[in-house]
Amino acid sequence: MEMWEKSPDRYKAEYFERGRKLMTKYLEFGSKIHKMIEDGEYKETLPGLKVYDQRELEIRTEINGVPVFFIIDGYDNDHTFGDYKTGKRPWTQAKVQKHNQFLFYATGLRVVNGVMPRYCETHWIETKEDPVKEHSFWKNDKKVELTGRVQTFRRYFDERELDRMEKDILRVAQEISEAYIAFINEI
């Protein structure tokens, strides 16, 4: 949804034309950190990091007849969930409030569980870049590393937000469907 709304052309290239998915050293690093957390190997590097009853919870369901699939970084049995974000740029409470990914997850969980999640937590895991120590062809090539700093933000949900998200999911699905039909007709 987010990619479609930000860049329909990129979405079409990746999903309609089977182009290469965007992969940067930052996304790759974030994936490694998620794997480290999932495997329980985070304790020495990120002591005190909150983990959840279930890690990497995969959900497949339908919202307004639209099949959806998502993976939540962590889920607790009290209907709360968490997401880990890595990066140099700090996350803020305002950024967490505006990030539709969390509303999307909460909407899907409400459909699956019949209960609206009370809140989610976003754990920003700060990174930095240090010059690569080994010889590198690129003089400005830098290695991504953890700083050890973790900041947590809590985001509460309101039924009306989730109702709007359900409508947005249907709208975006219709837009993508119409664009795909037009793409197929051009071939």
C-alpha atoms as a PDB file:
ATOM      1  CA  MET A   1       0.000   0.000   0.000  1.00  0.00           C
ATOM      2  CA  GLU A   2       2.688   2.436   1.029  1.00  0.00           C
ATOM      3  CA  MET A   3       4.723   1.894  -2.135  1.00  0.00           C
ATOM      4  CA  TRP A   4       1.648   2.258  -4.354  1.00  0.00           C
ATOM      5  CA  GLU A   5       0.665   5.538  -2.712  1.00  0.00           C
ATOM      6  CA  LYS A   6       4.206   6.953  -2.816  1.00  0.00           C
ATOM      7  CA  SER A   7       5.252   5.746  -6.253  1.00  0.00           C
ATOM      8  CA  PRO A   8       2.844   3.878  -8.534  1.00  0.00           C
ATOM      9  CA  ASP A   9       5.596   3.706 -11.178  1.00  0.00           C
ATOM     10  CA  ARG A  10       7.983   1.910  -8.819  1.00  0.00           C
ATOM     11  CA  TYR A  11       5.174  -0.421  -7.737  1.00  0.00           C
ATOM     12  CA  LYS A  12       4.374  -1.255 -11.371  1.00  0.00           C
ATOM     13  CA  ALA A  13       8.060  -1.879 -12.139  1.00  0.00           C
ATOM     14  CA  GLU A  14       8.505  -4.214  -9.168  1.00  0.00           C
ATOM     15  CA  TYR A  15       5.203  -6.072  -9.240  1.00  0.00           C
ATOM     16  CA  PHE A  16       3.786  -5.836 -12.767  1.00  0.00           C
ATOM     17  CA  GLU A  17       7.049  -5.997 -14.705  1.00  0.00           C
ATOM     18  CA  ARG A  18       8.858  -8.242 -12.212  1.00  0.00           C
ATOM     19  CA  GLY A  19      11.660  -5.753 -11.829  1.00  0.00           C
ATOM     20  CA  ARG A  20      14.310  -5.882  -9.173  1.00  0.00           C
ATOM     21  CA  LYS A  21      13.129  -5.086  -5.688  1.00  0.00           C
ATOM     22  CA  LEU A  22      14.855  -2.179  -4.024  1.00  0.00           C
ATOM     23  CA  MET A  23      17.650  -3.504  -1.811  1.00  0.00           C
ATOM     24  CA  THR A  24      20.111  -1.185  -0.151  1.00  0.00           C
ATOM     25  CA  LYS A  25      22.771  -1.835   2.443  1.00  0.00           C
ATOM     26  CA  TYR A  26      20.405  -0.230   4.978  1.00  0.00           C
ATOM     27  CA  LEU A  27      17.526  -2.597   4.171  1.00  0.00           C
ATOM     28  CA  GLU A  28      19.931  -5.532   4.202  1.00  0.00           C
ATOM     29  CA  PHE A  29      21.321  -4.457   7.593  1.00  0.00           C
ATOM     30  CA  GLY A  30      17.797  -4.061   9.004  1.00  0.00           C
ATOM     31  CA  SER A  31      16.957  -7.591   7.818  1.00  0.00           C
ATOM     32  CA  LYS A  32      20.025  -8.950   9.609  1.00  0.00           C
ATOM     33  CA  ILE A  33      19.006  -7.216  12.840  1.00  0.00           C
ATOM     34  CA  HIS A  34      15.471  -8.627  12.553  1.00  0.00           C
ATOM     35  CA  LYS A  35      16.933 -12.118  12.070  1.00  0.00           C
ATOM     36  CA  MET A  36      19.208 -11.621  15.071  1.00  0.00           C
ATOM     37  CA  ILE A  37      16.174 -10.682  17.207  1.00  0.00           C
ATOM     38  CA  GLU A  38      14.090 -13.542  15.841  1.00  0.00           C
ATOM     39  CA  ASP A  39      16.869 -16.034  16.626  1.00  0.00           C
ATOM     40  CA  GLY A  40      17.357 -14.629  20.157  1.00  0.00           C
ATOM     41  CA  GLU A  41      20.922 -13.492  19.415  1.00  0.00           C
ATOM     42  CA  TYR A  42      20.280  -9.843  20.317  1.00  0.00           C
ATOM     43  CA  LYS A  43      20.875  -9.987  24.088  1.00  0.00           C
ATOM     44  CA  GLU A  44      24.570  -9.099  24.096  1.00  0.00           C
ATOM     45  CA  THR A  45      24.334  -6.446  21.393  1.00  0.00           C
ATOM     46  CA  LEU A  46      20.991  -4.912  22.421  1.00  0.00           C
ATOM     47  CA  PRO A  47      20.492  -5.661  26.128  1.00  0.00           C
ATOM     48  CA  GLY A  48      17.119  -4.593  27.415  1.00  0.00           C
ATOM     49  CA  LEU A  49      15.447  -4.713  23.999  1.00  0.00           C
ATOM     50  CA  LYS A  50      11.835  -5.751  24.415  1.00  0.00           C
ATOM     51  CA  VAL A  51      10.846  -8.923  22.632  1.00  0.00           C
ATOM     52  CA  TYR A  52       7.368 -10.364  22.302  1.00  0.00           C
ATOM     53  CA  ASP A  53       5.588 -13.647  23.021  1.00  0.00           C
ATOM     54  CA  GLN A  54       5.522 -14.371  19.301  1.00  0.00           C
ATOM     55  CA  ARG A  55       8.214 -13.185  16.903  1.00  0.00           C
ATOM     56  CA  GLU A  56       7.655 -12.863  13.181  1.00  0.00           C
ATOM     57  CA  LEU A  57       3.888 -13.416  13.295  1.00  0.00           C
ATOM     58  CA  GLU A  58       2.572 -13.997   9.759  1.00  0.00           C
ATOM     59  CA  ILE A  59      -1.048 -13.077   9.074  1.00  0.00           C
ATOM     60  CA  ARG A  60      -3.080 -13.966   5.970  1.00  0.00           C
ATOM     61  CA  THR A  61      -6.654 -12.737   5.942  1.00  0.00           C
ATOM     62  CA  GLU A  62      -9.164 -10.723   3.961  1.00  0.00           C
ATOM     63  CA  ILE A  63     -10.240  -7.178   4.635  1.00  0.00           C
ATOM     64  CA  ASN A  64     -13.359  -6.109   2.723  1.00  0.00           C
ATOM     65  CA  GLY A  65     -12.782  -9.009   0.331  1.00  0.00           C
ATOM     66  CA  VAL A  66      -9.164  -7.994  -0.326  1.00  0.00           C
ATOM     67  CA  PRO A  67      -6.587 -10.678   0.508  1.00  0.00           C
ATOM     68  CA  VAL A  68      -3.862  -9.236   2.713  1.00  0.00           C
ATOM     69  CA  PHE A  69      -0.622 -10.667   4.043  1.00  0.00           C
ATOM     70  CA  PHE A  70       1.681  -9.102   6.574  1.00  0.00           C
ATOM     71  CA  ILE A  71       4.435 -10.045   8.976  1.00  0.00           C
ATOM     72  CA  ILE A  72       4.495  -8.421  12.405  1.00  0.00           C
ATOM     73  CA  ASP A  73       7.885  -8.279  14.110  1.00  0.00           C
ATOM     74  CA  GLY A  74       6.433  -9.167  17.519  1.00  0.00           C
ATOM     75  CA  TYR A  75       3.041  -9.923  19.047  1.00  0.00           C
ATOM     76  CA  ASP A  76       1.945 -10.370  22.650  1.00  0.00           C
ATOM     77  CA  ASN A  77      -1.051 -12.387  23.739  1.00  0.00           C
ATOM     78  CA  ASP A  78      -2.574  -9.256  25.316  1.00  0.00           C
ATOM     79  CA  HIS A  79      -3.314  -7.963  21.778  1.00  0.00           C
ATOM     80  CA  THR A  80      -0.364  -5.598  21.539  1.00  0.00           C
ATOM     81  CA  PHE A  81       2.389  -5.748  18.955  1.00  0.00           C
ATOM     82  CA  GLY A  82       5.789  -4.294  18.236  1.00  0.00           C
ATOM     83  CA  ASP A  83       7.887  -3.277  15.288  1.00  0.00           C
ATOM     84  CA  TYR A  84      11.643  -2.776  15.074  1.00  0.00           C
ATOM     85  CA  LYS A  85      13.063   0.016  12.930  1.00  0.00           C
ATOM     86  CA  THR A  86      16.753   0.539  12.280  1.00  0.00           C
ATOM     87  CA  GLY A  87      18.345   3.697  10.957  1.00  0.00           C
ATOM     88  CA  LYS A  88      20.406   6.825  11.572  1.00  0.00           C
ATOM     89  CA  ARG A  89      17.474   9.194  11.344  1.00  0.00           C
ATOM     90  CA  PRO A  90      15.645   9.311  14.652  1.00  0.00           C
ATOM     91  CA  TRP A  91      12.080   8.169  14.922  1.00  0.00           C
ATOM     92  CA  THR A  92       9.751  10.508  16.774  1.00  0.00           C
ATOM     93  CA  GLN A  93       6.319  10.107  18.314  1.00  0.00           C
ATOM     94  CA  ALA A  94       4.862  12.161  15.456  1.00  0.00           C
ATOM     95  CA  LYS A  95       6.482   9.888  12.857  1.00  0.00           C
ATOM     96  CA  VAL A  96       5.117   6.811  14.621  1.00  0.00           C
ATOM     97  CA  GLN A  97       1.615   8.332  14.740  1.00  0.00           C
ATOM     98  CA  LYS A  98       1.677   9.036  10.989  1.00  0.00           C
ATOM     99  CA  HIS A  99       3.146   5.681   9.916  1.00  0.00           C
ATOM    100  CA  ASN A 100       0.270   3.778   8.279  1.00  0.00           C
ATOM    101  CA  GLN A 101       2.020   0.418   8.542  1.00  0.00           C
ATOM    102  CA  PHE A 102       0.930   0.184  12.179  1.00  0.00           C
ATOM    103  CA  LEU A 103      -2.705   0.992  11.332  1.00  0.00           C
ATOM    104  CA  PHE A 104      -2.575  -1.659   8.603  1.00  0.00           C
ATOM    105  CA  TYR A 105      -1.335  -4.277  11.077  1.00  0.00           C
ATOM    106  CA  ALA A 106      -3.874  -3.238  13.731  1.00  0.00           C
ATOM    107  CA  THR A 107      -6.692  -3.447  11.166  1.00  0.00           C
ATOM    108  CA  GLY A 108      -5.651  -6.944  10.109  1.00  0.00           C
ATOM    109  CA  LEU A 109      -5.333  -8.087  13.706  1.00  0.00           C
ATOM    110  CA  ARG A 110      -8.799  -6.741  14.494  1.00  0.00           C
ATOM    111  CA  VAL A 111     -10.216  -8.802  11.619  1.00  0.00           C
ATOM    112  CA  VAL A 112      -8.353 -11.969  12.644  1.00  0.00           C
ATOM    113  CA  ASN A 113      -8.846 -11.731  16.427  1.00  0.00           C
ATOM    114  CA  GLY A 114     -12.117  -9.830  16.609  1.00  0.00           C
ATOM    115  CA  VAL A 115     -10.354  -7.502  19.054  1.00  0.00           C
ATOM    116  CA  MET A 116      -8.680  -4.187  18.308  1.00  0.00           C
ATOM    117  CA  PRO A 117      -5.051  -4.106  19.488  1.00  0.00           C
ATOM    118  CA  ARG A 118      -4.703  -1.696  22.394  1.00  0.00           C
ATOM    119  CA  TYR A 119      -1.427  -0.272  21.131  1.00  0.00           C
ATOM    120  CA  CYS A 120       1.790  -1.022  19.331  1.00  0.00           C
ATOM    121  CA  GLU A 121       5.353  -0.163  20.200  1.00  0.00           C
ATOM    122  CA  THR A 122       7.959   0.981  17.742  1.00  0.00           C
ATOM    123  CA  HIS A 123      11.534   0.316  18.785  1.00  0.00           C
ATOM    124  CA  TRP A 124      13.974   2.543  16.923  1.00  0.00           C
ATOM    125  CA  ILE A 125      17.389   0.861  16.911  1.00  0.00           C
ATOM    126  CA  GLU A 126      19.889   3.574  16.059  1.00  0.00           C
ATOM    127  CA  THR A 127      22.618   2.914  13.505  1.00  0.00           C
ATOM    128  CA  LYS A 128      25.690   4.799  12.375  1.00  0.00           C
ATOM    129  CA  GLU A 129      28.027   4.544   9.451  1.00  0.00           C
ATOM    130  CA  ASP A 130      31.738   4.079   9.873  1.00  0.00           C
ATOM    131  CA  PRO A 131      34.236   4.023   7.036  1.00  0.00           C
ATOM    132  CA  VAL A 132      35.000   0.506   5.859  1.00  0.00           C
ATOM    133  CA  LYS A 133      38.322  -0.528   7.370  1.00  0.00           C
ATOM    134  CA  GLU A 134      39.379  -2.805   4.527  1.00  0.00           C
ATOM    135  CA  HIS A 135      40.492  -1.478   1.152  1.00  0.00           C
ATOM    136  CA  SER A 136      37.480  -0.352  -0.799  1.00  0.00           C
ATOM    137  CA  PHE A 137      37.202   0.772  -4.380  1.00  0.00           C
ATOM    138  CA  TRP A 138      34.691   3.414  -3.316  1.00  0.00           C
ATOM    139  CA  LYS A 139      36.315   6.035  -1.116  1.00  0.00           C
ATOM    140  CA  ASN A 140      33.019   6.995   0.511  1.00  0.00           C
ATOM    141  CA  ASP A 141      31.875   3.411   1.162  1.00  0.00           C
ATOM    142  CA  LYS A 142      30.738   3.146   4.763  1.00  0.00           C
ATOM    143  CA  LYS A 143      29.753   0.231   6.961  1.00  0.00           C
ATOM    144  CA  VAL A 144      26.441   0.314   8.856  1.00  0.00           C
ATOM    145  CA  GLU A 145      26.740  -0.478  12.588  1.00  0.00           C
ATOM    146  CA  LEU A 146      24.582  -0.372  15.698  1.00  0.00           C
ATOM    147  CA  THR A 147      25.158   2.382  18.251  1.00  0.00           C
ATOM    148  CA  GLY A 148      23.457   0.391  21.034  1.00  0.00           C
ATOM    149  CA  ARG A 149      20.784   3.058  21.514  1.00  0.00           C
ATOM    150  CA  VAL A 150      17.152   1.944  21.423  1.00  0.00           C
ATOM    151  CA  GLN A 151      14.200   4.297  21.798  1.00  0.00           C
ATOM    152  CA  THR A 152      10.633   3.023  22.168  1.00  0.00           C
ATOM    153  CA  PHE A 153       7.450   4.821  21.153  1.00  0.00           C
ATOM    154  CA  ARG A 154       3.930   3.671  21.999  1.00  0.00           C
ATOM    155  CA  ARG A 155       1.068   4.252  19.570  1.00  0.00           C
ATOM    156  CA  TYR A 156      -2.541   3.791  20.704  1.00  0.00           C
ATOM    157  CA  PHE A 157      -5.337   3.001  18.259  1.00  0.00           C
ATOM    158  CA  ASP A 158      -8.835   4.346  17.777  1.00  0.00           C
ATOM    159  CA  GLU A 159     -11.653   2.362  16.117  1.00  0.00           C
ATOM    160  CA  ARG A 160     -12.276   5.194  13.632  1.00  0.00           C
ATOM    161  CA  GLU A 161      -8.682   5.023  12.359  1.00  0.00           C
ATOM    162  CA  LEU A 162      -9.012   1.316  11.716  1.00  0.00           C
ATOM    163  CA  ASP A 163     -12.343   1.836   9.961  1.00  0.00           C
ATOM    164  CA  ARG A 164     -10.655   4.407   7.669  1.00  0.00           C
ATOM    165  CA  MET A 165      -7.785   1.995   7.038  1.00  0.00           C
ATOM    166  CA  GLU A 166     -10.256  -0.692   5.938  1.00  0.00           C
ATOM    167  CA  LYS A 167     -11.631   1.762   3.366  1.00  0.00           C
ATOM    168  CA  ASP A 168      -8.106   2.717   2.260  1.00  0.00           C
ATOM    169  CA  ILE A 169      -7.184  -0.954   1.761  1.00  0.00           C
ATOM    170  CA  LEU A 170     -10.194  -1.422  -0.510  1.00  0.00           C
ATOM    171  CA  ARG A 171      -9.464   1.817  -2.422  1.00  0.00           C
ATOM    172  CA  VAL A 172      -5.787   0.958  -2.997  1.00  0.00           C
ATOM    173  CA  ALA A 173      -6.662  -2.601  -4.033  1.00  0.00           C
ATOM    174  CA  GLN A 174      -9.099  -1.226  -6.618  1.00  0.00           C
ATOM    175  CA  GLU A 175      -6.509   1.261  -7.929  1.00  0.00           C
ATOM    176  CA  ILE A 176      -3.886  -1.470  -8.254  1.00  0.00           C
ATOM    177  CA  SER A 177      -6.382  -3.800  -9.935  1.00  0.00           C
ATOM    178  CA  GLU A 178      -7.386  -1.146 -12.475  1.00  0.00           C
ATOM    179  CA  ALA A 179      -3.741  -0.292 -13.182  1.00  0.00           C
ATOM    180  CA  TYR A 180      -2.886  -3.977 -13.637  1.00  0.00           C
ATOM    181  CA  ILE A 181      -5.759  -4.491 -16.080  1.00  0.00           C
ATOM    182  CA  ALA A 182      -4.535  -1.473 -18.069  1.00  0.00           C
ATOM    183  CA  PHE A 183      -0.974  -2.893 -17.988  1.00  0.00           C
ATOM    184  CA  ILE A 184      -2.154  -6.297 -19.279  1.00  0.00           C
ATOM    185  CA  ASN A 185      -4.193  -4.645 -22.039  1.00  0.00           C
ATOM    186  CA  GLU A 186      -1.081  -2.784 -23.246  1.00  0.00           C
ATOM    187  CA  ILE A 187       0.928  -5.983 -23.668  1.00  0.00           C
END
